[in-house]
C-alpha atoms as a PDB file:
ATOM      1  CA  MET A   1      14.509  16.605 -54.976  1.00  0.00           C
ATOM      2  CA  ASP A   2      11.644  14.219 -56.098  1.00  0.00           C
ATOM      3  CA  TYR A   3      11.191  14.811 -59.945  1.00  0.00           C
ATOM      4  CA  GLY A   4       7.492  14.625 -59.713  1.00  0.00           C
ATOM      5  CA  PHE A   5       4.509  14.757 -56.876  1.00  0.00           C
ATOM      6  CA  HIS A   6       1.135  12.189 -57.858  1.00  0.00           C
ATOM      7  CA  ALA A   7      -2.544  12.426 -56.746  1.00  0.00           C
ATOM      8  CA  THR A   8      -4.963   9.286 -56.700  1.00  0.00           C
ATOM      9  CA  ILE A   9      -8.367   9.650 -58.041  1.00  0.00           C
ATOM     10  CA  LYS A  10     -10.991   6.887 -59.451  1.00  0.00           C
ATOM     11  CA  GLY A  11     -12.794   6.871 -62.258  1.00  0.00           C
ATOM     12  CA  PRO A  12     -12.676   5.974 -65.925  1.00  0.00           C
ATOM     13  CA  PHE A  13     -10.092   6.914 -67.380  1.00  0.00           C
ATOM     14  CA  GLU A  14     -11.053   9.196 -69.469  1.00  0.00           C
ATOM     15  CA  THR A  15     -12.898  11.223 -67.536  1.00  0.00           C
ATOM     16  CA  ALA A  16      -9.742  11.280 -65.261  1.00  0.00           C
ATOM     17  CA  VAL A  17      -8.372  12.769 -68.528  1.00  0.00           C
ATOM     18  CA  GLN A  18     -11.011  15.612 -68.556  1.00  0.00           C
ATOM     19  CA  ARG A  19     -10.683  16.444 -65.188  1.00  0.00           C
ATOM     20  CA  VAL A  20      -6.634  17.105 -65.527  1.00  0.00           C
ATOM     21  CA  LEU A  21      -7.330  19.209 -68.486  1.00  0.00           C
ATOM     22  CA  ASP A  22      -9.941  21.199 -66.656  1.00  0.00           C
ATOM     23  CA  ALA A  23      -7.685  21.511 -63.325  1.00  0.00           C
ATOM     24  CA  LEU A  24      -5.177  22.582 -65.512  1.00  0.00           C
ATOM     25  CA  LYS A  25      -7.107  24.880 -67.646  1.00  0.00           C
ATOM     26  CA  ALA A  26      -8.583  26.915 -64.081  1.00  0.00           C
ATOM     27  CA  GLU A  27      -4.989  27.341 -63.223  1.00  0.00           C
ATOM     28  CA  GLY A  28      -3.915  28.738 -66.667  1.00  0.00           C
ATOM     29  CA  PHE A  29      -2.255  25.899 -67.980  1.00  0.00           C
ATOM     30  CA  GLY A  30      -3.645  24.745 -71.835  1.00  0.00           C
ATOM     31  CA  VAL A  31      -2.337  21.514 -73.496  1.00  0.00           C
ATOM     32  CA  LEU A  32       0.101  21.694 -76.423  1.00  0.00           C
ATOM     33  CA  SER A  33       0.959  17.986 -76.335  1.00  0.00           C
ATOM     34  CA  ASP A  34      -1.018  15.155 -75.782  1.00  0.00           C
ATOM     35  CA  ILE A  35       0.953  11.585 -76.505  1.00  0.00           C
ATOM     36  CA  ASP A  36      -1.602   8.098 -76.267  1.00  0.00           C
ATOM     37  CA  LEU A  37       1.561   6.039 -74.933  1.00  0.00           C
ATOM     38  CA  GLN A  38      -1.103   2.468 -74.508  1.00  0.00           C
ATOM     39  CA  LYS A  39      -2.282   3.270 -78.490  1.00  0.00           C
ATOM     40  CA  ALA A  40       1.385   4.068 -79.727  1.00  0.00           C
ATOM     41  CA  MET A  41       3.072   1.552 -77.953  1.00  0.00           C
ATOM     42  CA  LYS A  42       0.513  -0.675 -79.451  1.00  0.00           C
ATOM     43  CA  GLU A  43       1.180   0.791 -82.881  1.00  0.00           C
ATOM     44  CA  LYS A  44       4.673   0.833 -82.916  1.00  0.00           C
ATOM     45  CA  LEU A  45       5.777  -2.250 -80.947  1.00  0.00           C
ATOM     46  CA  GLY A  46       2.489  -4.618 -80.616  1.00  0.00           C
ATOM     47  CA  LYS A  47       2.567  -4.782 -76.669  1.00  0.00           C
ATOM     48  CA  GLU A  48      -0.847  -4.184 -74.633  1.00  0.00           C
ATOM     49  CA  MET A  49      -0.449  -2.229 -71.735  1.00  0.00           C
ATOM     50  CA  LEU A  50      -3.031   0.071 -69.565  1.00  0.00           C
ATOM     51  CA  PRO A  51      -4.278   3.355 -70.651  1.00  0.00           C
ATOM     52  CA  HIS A  52      -1.103   6.093 -70.137  1.00  0.00           C
ATOM     53  CA  ARG A  53      -1.114   9.975 -71.435  1.00  0.00           C
ATOM     54  CA  ILE A  54       1.421  12.336 -71.368  1.00  0.00           C
ATOM     55  CA  LEU A  55      -0.169  15.790 -71.306  1.00  0.00           C
ATOM     56  CA  GLY A  56       2.331  18.580 -72.515  1.00  0.00           C
ATOM     57  CA  ALA A  57       0.984  21.217 -70.384  1.00  0.00           C
ATOM     58  CA  CYS A  58       2.011  24.785 -70.518  1.00  0.00           C
ATOM     59  CA  ASN A  59       1.105  28.138 -68.703  1.00  0.00           C
ATOM     60  CA  PRO A  60       2.309  30.714 -71.621  1.00  0.00           C
ATOM     61  CA  PRO A  61       2.720  33.964 -69.386  1.00  0.00           C
ATOM     62  CA  LEU A  62       5.096  31.117 -67.435  1.00  0.00           C
ATOM     63  CA  ALA A  63       6.983  29.651 -70.320  1.00  0.00           C
ATOM     64  CA  TYR A  64       7.640  33.513 -71.960  1.00  0.00           C
ATOM     65  CA  LYS A  65       9.308  34.438 -67.919  1.00  0.00           C
ATOM     66  CA  ALA A  66      11.328  31.419 -68.422  1.00  0.00           C
ATOM     67  CA  LEU A  67      12.532  31.704 -71.851  1.00  0.00           C
ATOM     68  CA  GLN A  68      13.437  35.167 -70.854  1.00  0.00           C
ATOM     69  CA  ALA A  69      15.448  34.583 -67.958  1.00  0.00           C
ATOM     70  CA  GLU A  70      17.166  31.261 -69.528  1.00  0.00           C
ATOM     71  CA  ALA A  71      17.239  30.791 -73.802  1.00  0.00           C
ATOM     72  CA  ASN A  72      17.430  26.963 -73.275  1.00  0.00           C
ATOM     73  CA  ILE A  73      14.998  26.252 -70.601  1.00  0.00           C
ATOM     74  CA  GLY A  74      13.210  25.383 -74.313  1.00  0.00           C
ATOM     75  CA  LEU A  75      14.786  21.684 -73.185  1.00  0.00           C
ATOM     76  CA  LEU A  76      12.583  21.248 -70.279  1.00  0.00           C
ATOM     77  CA  LEU A  77       9.227  22.830 -71.354  1.00  0.00           C
ATOM     78  CA  PRO A  78       6.269  22.187 -71.340  1.00  0.00           C
ATOM     79  CA  CYS A  79       5.397  20.935 -67.887  1.00  0.00           C
ATOM     80  CA  ASN A  80       4.668  17.133 -68.242  1.00  0.00           C
ATOM     81  CA  VAL A  81       1.574  16.311 -66.658  1.00  0.00           C
ATOM     82  CA  THR A  82       0.959  12.302 -66.895  1.00  0.00           C
ATOM     83  CA  VAL A  83      -2.229  10.143 -66.364  1.00  0.00           C
ATOM     84  CA  ARG A  84      -2.163   6.287 -66.245  1.00  0.00           C
ATOM     85  CA  GLN A  85      -3.898   4.015 -64.967  1.00  0.00           C
ATOM     86  CA  GLU A  86      -3.151   1.357 -62.856  1.00  0.00           C
ATOM     87  CA  ASP A  87      -3.761  -2.481 -62.640  1.00  0.00           C
ATOM     88  CA  GLY A  88      -6.323  -1.787 -59.468  1.00  0.00           C
ATOM     89  CA  GLY A  89      -8.175   0.665 -61.758  1.00  0.00           C
ATOM     90  CA  ASP A  90      -6.763   3.741 -59.815  1.00  0.00           C
ATOM     91  CA  ILE A  91      -5.794   6.520 -61.809  1.00  0.00           C
ATOM     92  CA  VAL A  92      -2.773   8.266 -61.322  1.00  0.00           C
ATOM     93  CA  VAL A  93      -1.897  11.747 -62.262  1.00  0.00           C
ATOM     94  CA  GLY A  94       2.095  12.392 -62.124  1.00  0.00           C
ATOM     95  CA  PHE A  95       3.529  16.700 -62.024  1.00  0.00           C
ATOM     96  CA  LEU A  96       7.226  16.959 -62.638  1.00  0.00           C
ATOM     97  CA  ASN A  97       8.319  19.405 -60.225  1.00  0.00           C
ATOM     98  CA  PRO A  98       8.961  22.419 -62.059  1.00  0.00           C
ATOM     99  CA  ASP A  99      11.747  23.470 -59.346  1.00  0.00           C
ATOM    100  CA  LEU A 100      14.439  20.590 -61.418  1.00  0.00           C
ATOM    101  CA  MET A 101      14.611  23.843 -63.839  1.00  0.00           C
ATOM    102  CA  VAL A 102      16.263  25.594 -61.072  1.00  0.00           C
ATOM    103  CA  GLN A 103      18.928  22.399 -60.230  1.00  0.00           C
ATOM    104  CA  LEU A 104      19.719  21.452 -63.655  1.00  0.00           C
ATOM    105  CA  THR A 105      19.960  24.687 -65.294  1.00  0.00           C
ATOM    106  CA  GLY A 106      21.610  26.655 -61.846  1.00  0.00           C
ATOM    107  CA  SER A 107      19.942  29.876 -62.892  1.00  0.00           C
ATOM    108  CA  PRO A 108      18.487  31.721 -60.140  1.00  0.00           C
ATOM    109  CA  LYS A 109      16.164  33.739 -62.097  1.00  0.00           C
ATOM    110  CA  LEU A 110      14.359  30.912 -62.589  1.00  0.00           C
ATOM    111  CA  LYS A 111      12.961  30.183 -58.627  1.00  0.00           C
ATOM    112  CA  GLU A 112      10.165  32.726 -59.234  1.00  0.00           C
ATOM    113  CA  VAL A 113       9.614  30.923 -62.646  1.00  0.00           C
ATOM    114  CA  ALA A 114       9.570  27.511 -60.828  1.00  0.00           C
ATOM    115  CA  GLU A 115       7.448  28.384 -57.112  1.00  0.00           C
ATOM    116  CA  ASP A 116       4.881  30.003 -59.630  1.00  0.00           C
ATOM    117  CA  ALA A 117       4.065  27.188 -61.550  1.00  0.00           C
ATOM    118  CA  SER A 118       4.795  24.525 -58.613  1.00  0.00           C
ATOM    119  CA  ALA A 119       2.764  26.364 -56.249  1.00  0.00           C
ATOM    120  CA  ARG A 120      -0.179  25.956 -59.565  1.00  0.00           C
ATOM    121  CA  LEU A 121       0.228  22.661 -60.456  1.00  0.00           C
ATOM    122  CA  ASN A 122       0.192  21.961 -57.106  1.00  0.00           C
ATOM    123  CA  ARG A 123      -3.331  23.668 -56.416  1.00  0.00           C
ATOM    124  CA  VAL A 124      -4.196  21.623 -59.335  1.00  0.00           C
ATOM    125  CA  ARG A 125      -3.001  17.752 -57.659  1.00  0.00           C
ATOM    126  CA  GLU A 126      -5.014  19.668 -54.380  1.00  0.00           C
ATOM    127  CA  ALA A 127      -8.338  20.181 -56.640  1.00  0.00           C
ATOM    128  CA  LEU A 128      -8.032  16.832 -58.222  1.00  0.00           C
ATOM    129  CA  GLN A 129      -8.005  15.144 -55.070  1.00  0.00           C
ATOM    130  CA  SER A 130     -11.024  16.687 -53.336  1.00  0.00           C
END
């Protein structure tokens, strides 16, 4: 099983991040955390890298259902979405595959939640590619 799926988009990095945020919001996701890896690597290690952010996306109703089904599922939440610039300027948006929750836990109770989250994140990917 792939642990993620991706979309490649064009445009300035910050515009791409905003497009991702807007598309996530349209599918009921908020962003609980926003880690700027480019900034962190510069501050902590003095290393330069292309823009790269990790967005901790959360759909509260889905997160609640998942937590009711499996108390320890918080270890796999929120749904991480990465936005990174490649050398050629393309922006790659990566989505963690929610089906991993079912595979890693072996909990059939999470199947419905994972399918719903996967469908929503795939719609985000499709919206970004259109």
